[in-house]
Amino acid sequence: MKKNNQNLFLEFVVIFASIIGLMLLVYFVMILSFQDGDKSTSDTMNIAVMIAQRIYDNPAETEIKAVSLMIRYGAHLGLFFVVGLVTTFVSMVIFRRYYRIFGVIGSGVICYLLAYYTEYYKQYIDGRHFQMDDVTLNWYGSVAGIACMIISYFMNRLLVKLSS
């Protein structure tokens, strides 16, 4: 009986820590998404200039803009990859057995809503605007994270089955 109580307590700790981690990640996404347009642009351009100077001897304006675009695309894809990964992990921890499919579908819905509404609300921030291309990038990053977590889950199950 004591072992079951310890397992139950550990399970609640893992679920609680996972949800807190997800909430912190969503908070971080919101902070980045709701930055002032001028600050966001200047930060991206400063990083783009530093990277372009490492790549090119004397970078032209078009080269700096290309690097800036790649940074922006990479940020959308990378950040939402992590969001998809963490959201799916949390849903797989909470939902068990055959109900995991509902958790994965739910995490996909949450990721899409987050991808859409972080872009939608940018139109109300000075210097920012809504771009459906960014929503698409966010969604692709989320789907990649979800797929990575699902593949990892099935690989883990396969390895456990092969080891026994």
N, C-alpha and C. Protein backbone atom coordinates (compact mmCIF):
# COMPACT_ATOMS: atom_id res chain seq x y z
N MET A 1 0.82 -1.20 0.00
CA MET A 1 0.00 0.00 0.00
C MET A 1 0.87 1.26 0.00
N LYS A 2 1.97 1.22 0.76
CA LYS A 2 2.84 2.39 0.84
C LYS A 2 3.50 2.68 -0.51
N LYS A 3 3.85 1.62 -1.25
CA LYS A 3 4.47 1.79 -2.55
C LYS A 3 3.51 2.47 -3.53
N ASN A 4 2.23 2.09 -3.48
CA ASN A 4 1.23 2.72 -4.35
C ASN A 4 1.08 4.20 -4.02
N ASN A 5 1.10 4.55 -2.74
CA ASN A 5 1.00 5.96 -2.34
C ASN A 5 2.21 6.74 -2.81
N GLN A 6 3.40 6.14 -2.76
CA GLN A 6 4.61 6.81 -3.25
C GLN A 6 4.53 7.02 -4.75
N ASN A 7 4.06 6.01 -5.48
CA ASN A 7 3.92 6.15 -6.94
C ASN A 7 2.89 7.20 -7.30
N LEU A 8 1.79 7.23 -6.57
CA LEU A 8 0.76 8.21 -6.81
C LEU A 8 1.28 9.62 -6.53
N PHE A 9 2.01 9.79 -5.45
CA PHE A 9 2.60 11.09 -5.12
C PHE A 9 3.59 11.52 -6.19
N LEU A 10 4.44 10.61 -6.62
CA LEU A 10 5.41 10.92 -7.67
C LEU A 10 4.72 11.30 -8.97
N GLU A 11 3.64 10.61 -9.28
CA GLU A 11 2.88 10.93 -10.49
C GLU A 11 2.29 12.34 -10.40
N PHE A 12 1.75 12.71 -9.26
CA PHE A 12 1.21 14.06 -9.09
C PHE A 12 2.31 15.11 -9.19
N VAL A 13 3.49 14.81 -8.65
CA VAL A 13 4.61 15.75 -8.73
C VAL A 13 5.02 15.95 -10.19
N VAL A 14 5.10 14.86 -10.95
CA VAL A 14 5.48 14.96 -12.36
C VAL A 14 4.43 15.75 -13.14
N ILE A 15 3.17 15.48 -12.91
CA ILE A 15 2.10 16.22 -13.60
C ILE A 15 2.15 17.69 -13.23
N PHE A 16 2.30 17.99 -11.95
CA PHE A 16 2.34 19.38 -11.49
C PHE A 16 3.55 20.10 -12.08
N ALA A 17 4.73 19.48 -12.04
CA ALA A 17 5.94 20.09 -12.60
C ALA A 17 5.81 20.30 -14.10
N SER A 18 5.20 19.35 -14.79
CA SER A 18 5.01 19.46 -16.24
C SER A 18 4.09 20.63 -16.58
N ILE A 19 3.01 20.75 -15.84
CA ILE A 19 2.07 21.85 -16.10
C ILE A 19 2.71 23.20 -15.78
N ILE A 20 3.46 23.27 -14.69
CA ILE A 20 4.15 24.53 -14.35
C ILE A 20 5.17 24.87 -15.44
N GLY A 21 5.92 23.89 -15.91
CA GLY A 21 6.88 24.12 -16.99
C GLY A 21 6.21 24.61 -18.26
N LEU A 22 5.07 24.01 -18.60
CA LEU A 22 4.32 24.44 -19.78
C LEU A 22 3.81 25.87 -19.61
N MET A 23 3.33 26.19 -18.43
CA MET A 23 2.84 27.56 -18.18
C MET A 23 3.97 28.58 -18.29
N LEU A 24 5.14 28.24 -17.78
CA LEU A 24 6.29 29.14 -17.91
C LEU A 24 6.70 29.31 -19.37
N LEU A 25 6.64 28.24 -20.14
CA LEU A 25 6.96 28.32 -21.55
C LEU A 25 5.97 29.20 -22.30
N VAL A 26 4.69 29.04 -22.01
CA VAL A 26 3.67 29.87 -22.65
C VAL A 26 3.86 31.33 -22.25
N TYR A 27 4.21 31.59 -21.00
CA TYR A 27 4.50 32.95 -20.55
C TYR A 27 5.67 33.55 -21.32
N PHE A 28 6.72 32.75 -21.54
CA PHE A 28 7.89 33.19 -22.30
C PHE A 28 7.49 33.52 -23.75
N VAL A 29 6.64 32.68 -24.35
CA VAL A 29 6.16 32.94 -25.72
C VAL A 29 5.40 34.26 -25.76
N MET A 30 4.56 34.50 -24.76
CA MET A 30 3.78 35.73 -24.71
C MET A 30 4.68 36.96 -24.57
N ILE A 31 5.69 36.85 -23.73
CA ILE A 31 6.62 37.98 -23.55
C ILE A 31 7.29 38.31 -24.87
N LEU A 32 7.78 37.29 -25.57
CA LEU A 32 8.44 37.52 -26.85
C LEU A 32 7.47 38.04 -27.91
N SER A 33 6.27 37.50 -27.92
CA SER A 33 5.30 37.87 -28.94
C SER A 33 4.76 39.29 -28.76
N PHE A 34 4.66 39.74 -27.53
CA PHE A 34 4.05 41.04 -27.27
C PHE A 34 5.06 42.15 -27.02
N GLN A 35 6.29 41.93 -27.51
CA GLN A 35 7.29 42.99 -27.44
C GLN A 35 6.89 44.13 -28.37
N ASP A 36 7.33 45.32 -28.04
CA ASP A 36 7.13 46.47 -28.91
C ASP A 36 7.81 46.23 -30.25
N GLY A 37 7.20 46.69 -31.33
CA GLY A 37 7.72 46.45 -32.67
C GLY A 37 9.12 46.98 -32.90
N ASP A 38 9.39 48.20 -32.40
CA ASP A 38 10.72 48.79 -32.59
C ASP A 38 11.79 47.99 -31.86
N LYS A 39 11.50 47.57 -30.64
CA LYS A 39 12.47 46.79 -29.87
C LYS A 39 12.72 45.44 -30.52
N SER A 40 11.66 44.79 -30.97
CA SER A 40 11.78 43.49 -31.60
C SER A 40 12.62 43.59 -32.88
N THR A 41 12.34 44.60 -33.69
CA THR A 41 13.07 44.78 -34.94
C THR A 41 14.54 45.11 -34.68
N SER A 42 14.79 45.99 -33.72
CA SER A 42 16.18 46.37 -33.45
C SER A 42 16.98 45.20 -32.87
N ASP A 43 16.36 44.42 -32.00
CA ASP A 43 17.05 43.24 -31.45
C ASP A 43 17.40 42.25 -32.55
N THR A 44 16.43 41.97 -33.43
CA THR A 44 16.66 41.04 -34.52
C THR A 44 17.73 41.56 -35.47
N MET A 45 17.68 42.84 -35.79
CA MET A 45 18.67 43.40 -36.71
C MET A 45 20.07 43.42 -36.09
N ASN A 46 20.19 43.69 -34.80
CA ASN A 46 21.50 43.65 -34.15
C ASN A 46 22.11 42.25 -34.22
N ILE A 47 21.29 41.25 -33.96
CA ILE A 47 21.77 39.87 -34.04
C ILE A 47 22.11 39.52 -35.49
N ALA A 48 21.28 39.97 -36.43
CA ALA A 48 21.52 39.69 -37.86
C ALA A 48 22.83 40.33 -38.33
N VAL A 49 23.10 41.53 -37.88
CA VAL A 49 24.36 42.20 -38.26
C VAL A 49 25.56 41.41 -37.73
N MET A 50 25.48 40.99 -36.48
CA MET A 50 26.60 40.22 -35.90
C MET A 50 26.82 38.91 -36.66
N ILE A 51 25.74 38.22 -36.99
CA ILE A 51 25.88 36.96 -37.72
C ILE A 51 26.37 37.21 -39.14
N ALA A 52 25.82 38.22 -39.80
CA ALA A 52 26.23 38.52 -41.18
C ALA A 52 27.71 38.92 -41.23
N GLN A 53 28.20 39.61 -40.22
CA GLN A 53 29.62 39.99 -40.19
C GLN A 53 30.51 38.77 -40.01
N ARG A 54 30.00 37.73 -39.37
CA ARG A 54 30.75 36.48 -39.23
C ARG A 54 30.78 35.69 -40.54
N ILE A 55 29.69 35.78 -41.30
CA ILE A 55 29.57 35.03 -42.55
C ILE A 55 30.27 35.75 -43.70
N TYR A 56 30.01 37.04 -43.83
CA TYR A 56 30.53 37.84 -44.95
C TYR A 56 31.59 38.81 -44.43
N ASP A 57 32.55 39.15 -45.31
CA ASP A 57 33.58 40.12 -44.93
C ASP A 57 32.99 41.50 -44.71
N ASN A 58 32.21 41.95 -45.67
CA ASN A 58 31.56 43.25 -45.58
C ASN A 58 30.11 43.06 -46.04
N PRO A 59 29.21 42.71 -45.12
CA PRO A 59 27.85 42.35 -45.54
C PRO A 59 27.07 43.53 -46.10
N ALA A 60 26.37 43.26 -47.20
CA ALA A 60 25.49 44.27 -47.79
C ALA A 60 24.16 44.27 -47.04
N GLU A 61 23.36 45.29 -47.32
CA GLU A 61 22.06 45.41 -46.64
C GLU A 61 21.16 44.22 -46.97
N THR A 62 21.20 43.74 -48.20
CA THR A 62 20.36 42.60 -48.58
C THR A 62 20.79 41.33 -47.85
N GLU A 63 22.09 41.16 -47.63
CA GLU A 63 22.58 39.99 -46.89
C GLU A 63 22.15 40.05 -45.43
N ILE A 64 22.20 41.23 -44.86
CA ILE A 64 21.76 41.40 -43.46
C ILE A 64 20.26 41.13 -43.35
N LYS A 65 19.47 41.61 -44.32
CA LYS A 65 18.03 41.35 -44.30
C LYS A 65 17.72 39.87 -44.46
N ALA A 66 18.51 39.18 -45.30
CA ALA A 66 18.31 37.74 -45.48
C ALA A 66 18.60 36.99 -44.18
N VAL A 67 19.67 37.37 -43.50
CA VAL A 67 20.00 36.75 -42.22
C VAL A 67 18.92 37.05 -41.19
N SER A 68 18.41 38.28 -41.19
CA SER A 68 17.34 38.67 -40.28
C SER A 68 16.08 37.83 -40.52
N LEU A 69 15.77 37.60 -41.79
CA LEU A 69 14.61 36.78 -42.13
C LEU A 69 14.79 35.34 -41.64
N MET A 70 15.99 34.81 -41.80
CA MET A 70 16.25 33.44 -41.34
C MET A 70 16.17 33.35 -39.81
N ILE A 71 16.62 34.38 -39.12
CA ILE A 71 16.52 34.42 -37.66
C ILE A 71 15.05 34.41 -37.25
N ARG A 72 14.27 35.24 -37.93
CA ARG A 72 12.85 35.34 -37.60
C ARG A 72 12.13 34.02 -37.86
N TYR A 73 12.39 33.41 -39.01
CA TYR A 73 11.78 32.11 -39.32
C TYR A 73 12.24 31.04 -38.34
N GLY A 74 13.53 31.04 -38.05
CA GLY A 74 14.07 30.06 -37.10
C GLY A 74 13.48 30.23 -35.71
N ALA A 75 13.26 31.48 -35.31
CA ALA A 75 12.68 31.73 -33.99
C ALA A 75 11.25 31.21 -33.92
N HIS A 76 10.47 31.46 -34.96
CA HIS A 76 9.09 30.95 -34.98
C HIS A 76 9.08 29.42 -34.94
N LEU A 77 9.85 28.81 -35.82
CA LEU A 77 9.86 27.35 -35.89
C LEU A 77 10.42 26.73 -34.60
N GLY A 78 11.53 27.26 -34.12
CA GLY A 78 12.18 26.69 -32.94
C GLY A 78 11.38 26.84 -31.67
N LEU A 79 10.84 28.03 -31.46
CA LEU A 79 10.07 28.27 -30.24
C LEU A 79 8.81 27.41 -30.22
N PHE A 80 8.12 27.33 -31.33
CA PHE A 80 6.90 26.53 -31.34
C PHE A 80 7.17 25.04 -31.45
N PHE A 81 8.37 24.65 -31.90
CA PHE A 81 8.76 23.24 -31.80
C PHE A 81 8.80 22.84 -30.34
N VAL A 82 9.40 23.68 -29.52
CA VAL A 82 9.47 23.40 -28.08
C VAL A 82 8.08 23.41 -27.47
N VAL A 83 7.23 24.35 -27.89
CA VAL A 83 5.86 24.40 -27.38
C VAL A 83 5.12 23.10 -27.72
N GLY A 84 5.23 22.64 -28.96
CA GLY A 84 4.58 21.40 -29.36
C GLY A 84 5.11 20.19 -28.59
N LEU A 85 6.42 20.15 -28.42
CA LEU A 85 7.05 19.05 -27.69
C LEU A 85 6.57 19.01 -26.24
N VAL A 86 6.63 20.15 -25.57
CA VAL A 86 6.25 20.21 -24.15
C VAL A 86 4.75 19.99 -23.97
N THR A 87 3.94 20.57 -24.83
CA THR A 87 2.49 20.40 -24.72
C THR A 87 2.11 18.93 -24.89
N THR A 88 2.73 18.27 -25.86
CA THR A 88 2.44 16.85 -26.08
C THR A 88 2.95 16.01 -24.92
N PHE A 89 4.11 16.35 -24.39
CA PHE A 89 4.63 15.62 -23.23
C PHE A 89 3.65 15.72 -22.06
N VAL A 90 3.19 16.93 -21.78
CA VAL A 90 2.25 17.12 -20.67
C VAL A 90 0.97 16.35 -20.92
N SER A 91 0.47 16.39 -22.14
CA SER A 91 -0.78 15.65 -22.42
C SER A 91 -0.58 14.15 -22.30
N MET A 92 0.61 13.65 -22.65
CA MET A 92 0.87 12.21 -22.54
C MET A 92 1.09 11.80 -21.09
N VAL A 93 1.53 12.72 -20.25
CA VAL A 93 1.67 12.43 -18.82
C VAL A 93 0.29 12.40 -18.16
N ILE A 94 -0.57 13.31 -18.55
CA ILE A 94 -1.89 13.40 -17.94
C ILE A 94 -2.82 12.29 -18.43
N PHE A 95 -2.86 12.08 -19.74
CA PHE A 95 -3.75 11.07 -20.31
C PHE A 95 -2.99 9.74 -20.43
N ARG A 96 -3.66 8.66 -20.08
CA ARG A 96 -3.05 7.33 -20.07
C ARG A 96 -3.75 6.41 -21.04
N ARG A 97 -3.04 5.35 -21.39
CA ARG A 97 -3.53 4.26 -22.24
C ARG A 97 -4.12 4.79 -23.54
N TYR A 98 -5.32 4.37 -23.86
CA TYR A 98 -5.93 4.73 -25.14
C TYR A 98 -6.39 6.19 -25.18
N TYR A 99 -6.42 6.84 -24.04
CA TYR A 99 -6.85 8.23 -24.00
C TYR A 99 -5.74 9.18 -24.44
N ARG A 100 -4.53 8.67 -24.63
CA ARG A 100 -3.42 9.52 -25.06
C ARG A 100 -3.72 10.19 -26.39
N ILE A 101 -4.48 9.52 -27.25
CA ILE A 101 -4.81 10.12 -28.54
C ILE A 101 -5.59 11.42 -28.35
N PHE A 102 -6.48 11.44 -27.32
CA PHE A 102 -7.20 12.68 -27.03
C PHE A 102 -6.25 13.76 -26.53
N GLY A 103 -5.25 13.35 -25.76
CA GLY A 103 -4.25 14.30 -25.28
C GLY A 103 -3.43 14.89 -26.41
N VAL A 104 -3.05 14.04 -27.36
CA VAL A 104 -2.27 14.52 -28.51
C VAL A 104 -3.10 15.45 -29.38
N ILE A 105 -4.36 15.09 -29.62
CA ILE A 105 -5.25 15.96 -30.39
C ILE A 105 -5.46 17.28 -29.64
N GLY A 106 -5.65 17.19 -28.33
CA GLY A 106 -5.80 18.41 -27.51
C GLY A 106 -4.57 19.29 -27.55
N SER A 107 -3.39 18.68 -27.51
CA SER A 107 -2.17 19.48 -27.57
C SER A 107 -2.03 20.15 -28.94
N GLY A 108 -2.49 19.45 -30.00
CA GLY A 108 -2.48 20.07 -31.33
C GLY A 108 -3.40 21.27 -31.39
N VAL A 109 -4.58 21.15 -30.78
CA VAL A 109 -5.53 22.27 -30.74
C VAL A 109 -4.94 23.44 -29.94
N ILE A 110 -4.36 23.13 -28.79
CA ILE A 110 -3.75 24.18 -27.96
C ILE A 110 -2.63 24.88 -28.72
N CYS A 111 -1.80 24.10 -29.40
CA CYS A 111 -0.68 24.68 -30.15
C CYS A 111 -1.18 25.57 -31.28
N TYR A 112 -2.23 25.13 -31.99
CA TYR A 112 -2.74 25.95 -33.07
C TYR A 112 -3.34 27.25 -32.53
N LEU A 113 -4.12 27.15 -31.46
CA LEU A 113 -4.70 28.36 -30.88
C LEU A 113 -3.62 29.32 -30.40
N LEU A 114 -2.58 28.79 -29.79
CA LEU A 114 -1.47 29.63 -29.35
C LEU A 114 -0.74 30.23 -30.55
N ALA A 115 -0.54 29.44 -31.60
CA ALA A 115 0.13 29.93 -32.80
C ALA A 115 -0.67 31.05 -33.46
N TYR A 116 -1.97 30.88 -33.51
CA TYR A 116 -2.82 31.87 -34.16
C TYR A 116 -2.97 33.14 -33.31
N TYR A 117 -3.31 32.95 -32.04
CA TYR A 117 -3.62 34.12 -31.23
C TYR A 117 -2.41 34.93 -30.81
N THR A 118 -1.23 34.34 -30.75
CA THR A 118 -0.06 35.18 -30.48
C THR A 118 0.20 36.11 -31.66
N GLU A 119 -0.11 35.65 -32.86
CA GLU A 119 0.03 36.52 -34.02
C GLU A 119 -1.14 37.49 -34.13
N TYR A 120 -2.34 37.02 -33.84
CA TYR A 120 -3.52 37.87 -33.95
C TYR A 120 -3.41 39.10 -33.05
N TYR A 121 -2.97 38.91 -31.82
CA TYR A 121 -2.91 40.02 -30.88
C TYR A 121 -1.76 40.97 -31.16
N LYS A 122 -0.85 40.59 -32.03
CA LYS A 122 0.25 41.50 -32.39
C LYS A 122 -0.25 42.74 -33.11
N GLN A 123 -1.41 42.65 -33.76
CA GLN A 123 -1.92 43.81 -34.49
C GLN A 123 -2.34 44.94 -33.55
N TYR A 124 -2.47 44.65 -32.27
CA TYR A 124 -2.83 45.66 -31.29
C TYR A 124 -1.61 46.24 -30.57
N ILE A 125 -0.41 45.85 -30.99
CA ILE A 125 0.83 46.32 -30.38
C ILE A 125 1.50 47.27 -31.36
N ASP A 126 1.98 48.40 -30.84
CA ASP A 126 2.63 49.39 -31.71
C ASP A 126 3.78 48.78 -32.48
N GLY A 127 3.79 49.01 -33.78
CA GLY A 127 4.89 48.55 -34.62
C GLY A 127 4.82 47.08 -35.00
N ARG A 128 3.79 46.37 -34.60
CA ARG A 128 3.63 44.95 -34.94
C ARG A 128 2.39 44.78 -35.79
N HIS A 129 2.31 43.66 -36.48
CA HIS A 129 1.13 43.39 -37.30
C HIS A 129 0.93 41.89 -37.43
N PHE A 130 -0.28 41.54 -37.81
CA PHE A 130 -0.67 40.13 -37.98
C PHE A 130 -0.17 39.64 -39.32
N GLN A 131 0.48 38.45 -39.33
CA GLN A 131 0.91 37.82 -40.57
C GLN A 131 0.52 36.34 -40.53
N MET A 132 -0.27 35.93 -41.49
CA MET A 132 -0.69 34.53 -41.55
C MET A 132 0.51 33.62 -41.82
N ASP A 133 1.54 34.13 -42.51
CA ASP A 133 2.76 33.34 -42.73
C ASP A 133 3.42 32.96 -41.41
N ASP A 134 3.40 33.87 -40.44
CA ASP A 134 3.97 33.57 -39.13
C ASP A 134 3.14 32.53 -38.38
N VAL A 135 1.82 32.59 -38.54
CA VAL A 135 0.95 31.57 -37.94
C VAL A 135 1.31 30.21 -38.52
N THR A 136 1.52 30.16 -39.83
CA THR A 136 1.87 28.92 -40.49
C THR A 136 3.21 28.39 -39.99
N LEU A 137 4.20 29.28 -39.85
CA LEU A 137 5.50 28.87 -39.30
C LEU A 137 5.35 28.34 -37.88
N ASN A 138 4.58 29.05 -37.07
CA ASN A 138 4.35 28.60 -35.69
C ASN A 138 3.71 27.22 -35.69
N TRP A 139 2.72 27.02 -36.54
CA TRP A 139 2.01 25.74 -36.59
C TRP A 139 2.94 24.62 -37.06
N TYR A 140 3.76 24.89 -38.09
CA TYR A 140 4.71 23.87 -38.56
C TYR A 140 5.69 23.48 -37.46
N GLY A 141 6.16 24.47 -36.71
CA GLY A 141 7.06 24.17 -35.59
C GLY A 141 6.37 23.31 -34.54
N SER A 142 5.12 23.64 -34.24
CA SER A 142 4.35 22.86 -33.26
C SER A 142 4.13 21.43 -33.74
N VAL A 143 3.76 21.27 -34.99
CA VAL A 143 3.52 19.93 -35.54
C VAL A 143 4.81 19.11 -35.50
N ALA A 144 5.93 19.74 -35.79
CA ALA A 144 7.21 19.02 -35.72
C ALA A 144 7.50 18.58 -34.29
N GLY A 145 7.22 19.43 -33.30
CA GLY A 145 7.41 19.06 -31.91
C GLY A 145 6.48 17.94 -31.47
N ILE A 146 5.23 18.01 -31.91
CA ILE A 146 4.26 16.96 -31.59
C ILE A 146 4.70 15.64 -32.20
N ALA A 147 5.10 15.69 -33.47
CA ALA A 147 5.54 14.47 -34.16
C ALA A 147 6.78 13.89 -33.49
N CYS A 148 7.69 14.75 -33.08
CA CYS A 148 8.91 14.27 -32.41
C CYS A 148 8.56 13.57 -31.10
N MET A 149 7.63 14.11 -30.34
CA MET A 149 7.25 13.49 -29.08
C MET A 149 6.52 12.17 -29.31
N ILE A 150 5.68 12.10 -30.31
CA ILE A 150 4.97 10.85 -30.61
C ILE A 150 5.96 9.78 -31.07
N ILE A 151 6.89 10.15 -31.94
CA ILE A 151 7.90 9.19 -32.40
C ILE A 151 8.75 8.73 -31.23
N SER A 152 9.11 9.64 -30.37
CA SER A 152 9.89 9.29 -29.18
C SER A 152 9.13 8.33 -28.28
N TYR A 153 7.83 8.54 -28.12
CA TYR A 153 7.00 7.66 -27.30
C TYR A 153 6.98 6.25 -27.87
N PHE A 154 6.74 6.13 -29.18
CA PHE A 154 6.69 4.80 -29.78
C PHE A 154 8.06 4.13 -29.82
N MET A 155 9.11 4.89 -30.00
CA MET A 155 10.46 4.31 -29.96
C MET A 155 10.75 3.78 -28.56
N ASN A 156 10.34 4.52 -27.54
CA ASN A 156 10.52 4.08 -26.16
C ASN A 156 9.76 2.78 -25.91
N ARG A 157 8.52 2.72 -26.36
CA ARG A 157 7.73 1.50 -26.17
C ARG A 157 8.36 0.32 -26.91
N LEU A 158 8.88 0.56 -28.10
CA LEU A 158 9.54 -0.50 -28.86
C LEU A 158 10.78 -0.99 -28.15
N LEU A 159 11.59 -0.07 -27.64
CA LEU A 159 12.81 -0.45 -26.93
C LEU A 159 12.50 -1.22 -25.64
N VAL A 160 11.46 -0.81 -24.94
CA VAL A 160 11.06 -1.54 -23.71
C VAL A 160 10.61 -2.95 -24.08
N LYS A 161 9.84 -3.06 -25.14
CA LYS A 161 9.34 -4.37 -25.58
C LYS A 161 10.50 -5.26 -26.03
N LEU A 162 11.46 -4.71 -26.74
CA LEU A 162 12.60 -5.49 -27.21
C LEU A 162 13.54 -5.89 -26.08
N SER A 163 13.60 -5.09 -25.02
CA SER A 163 14.52 -5.39 -23.93
C SER A 163 13.95 -6.44 -22.96
N SER A 164 12.67 -6.69 -23.03
CA SER A 164 12.09 -7.67 -22.09
C SER A 164 11.95 -9.04 -22.69
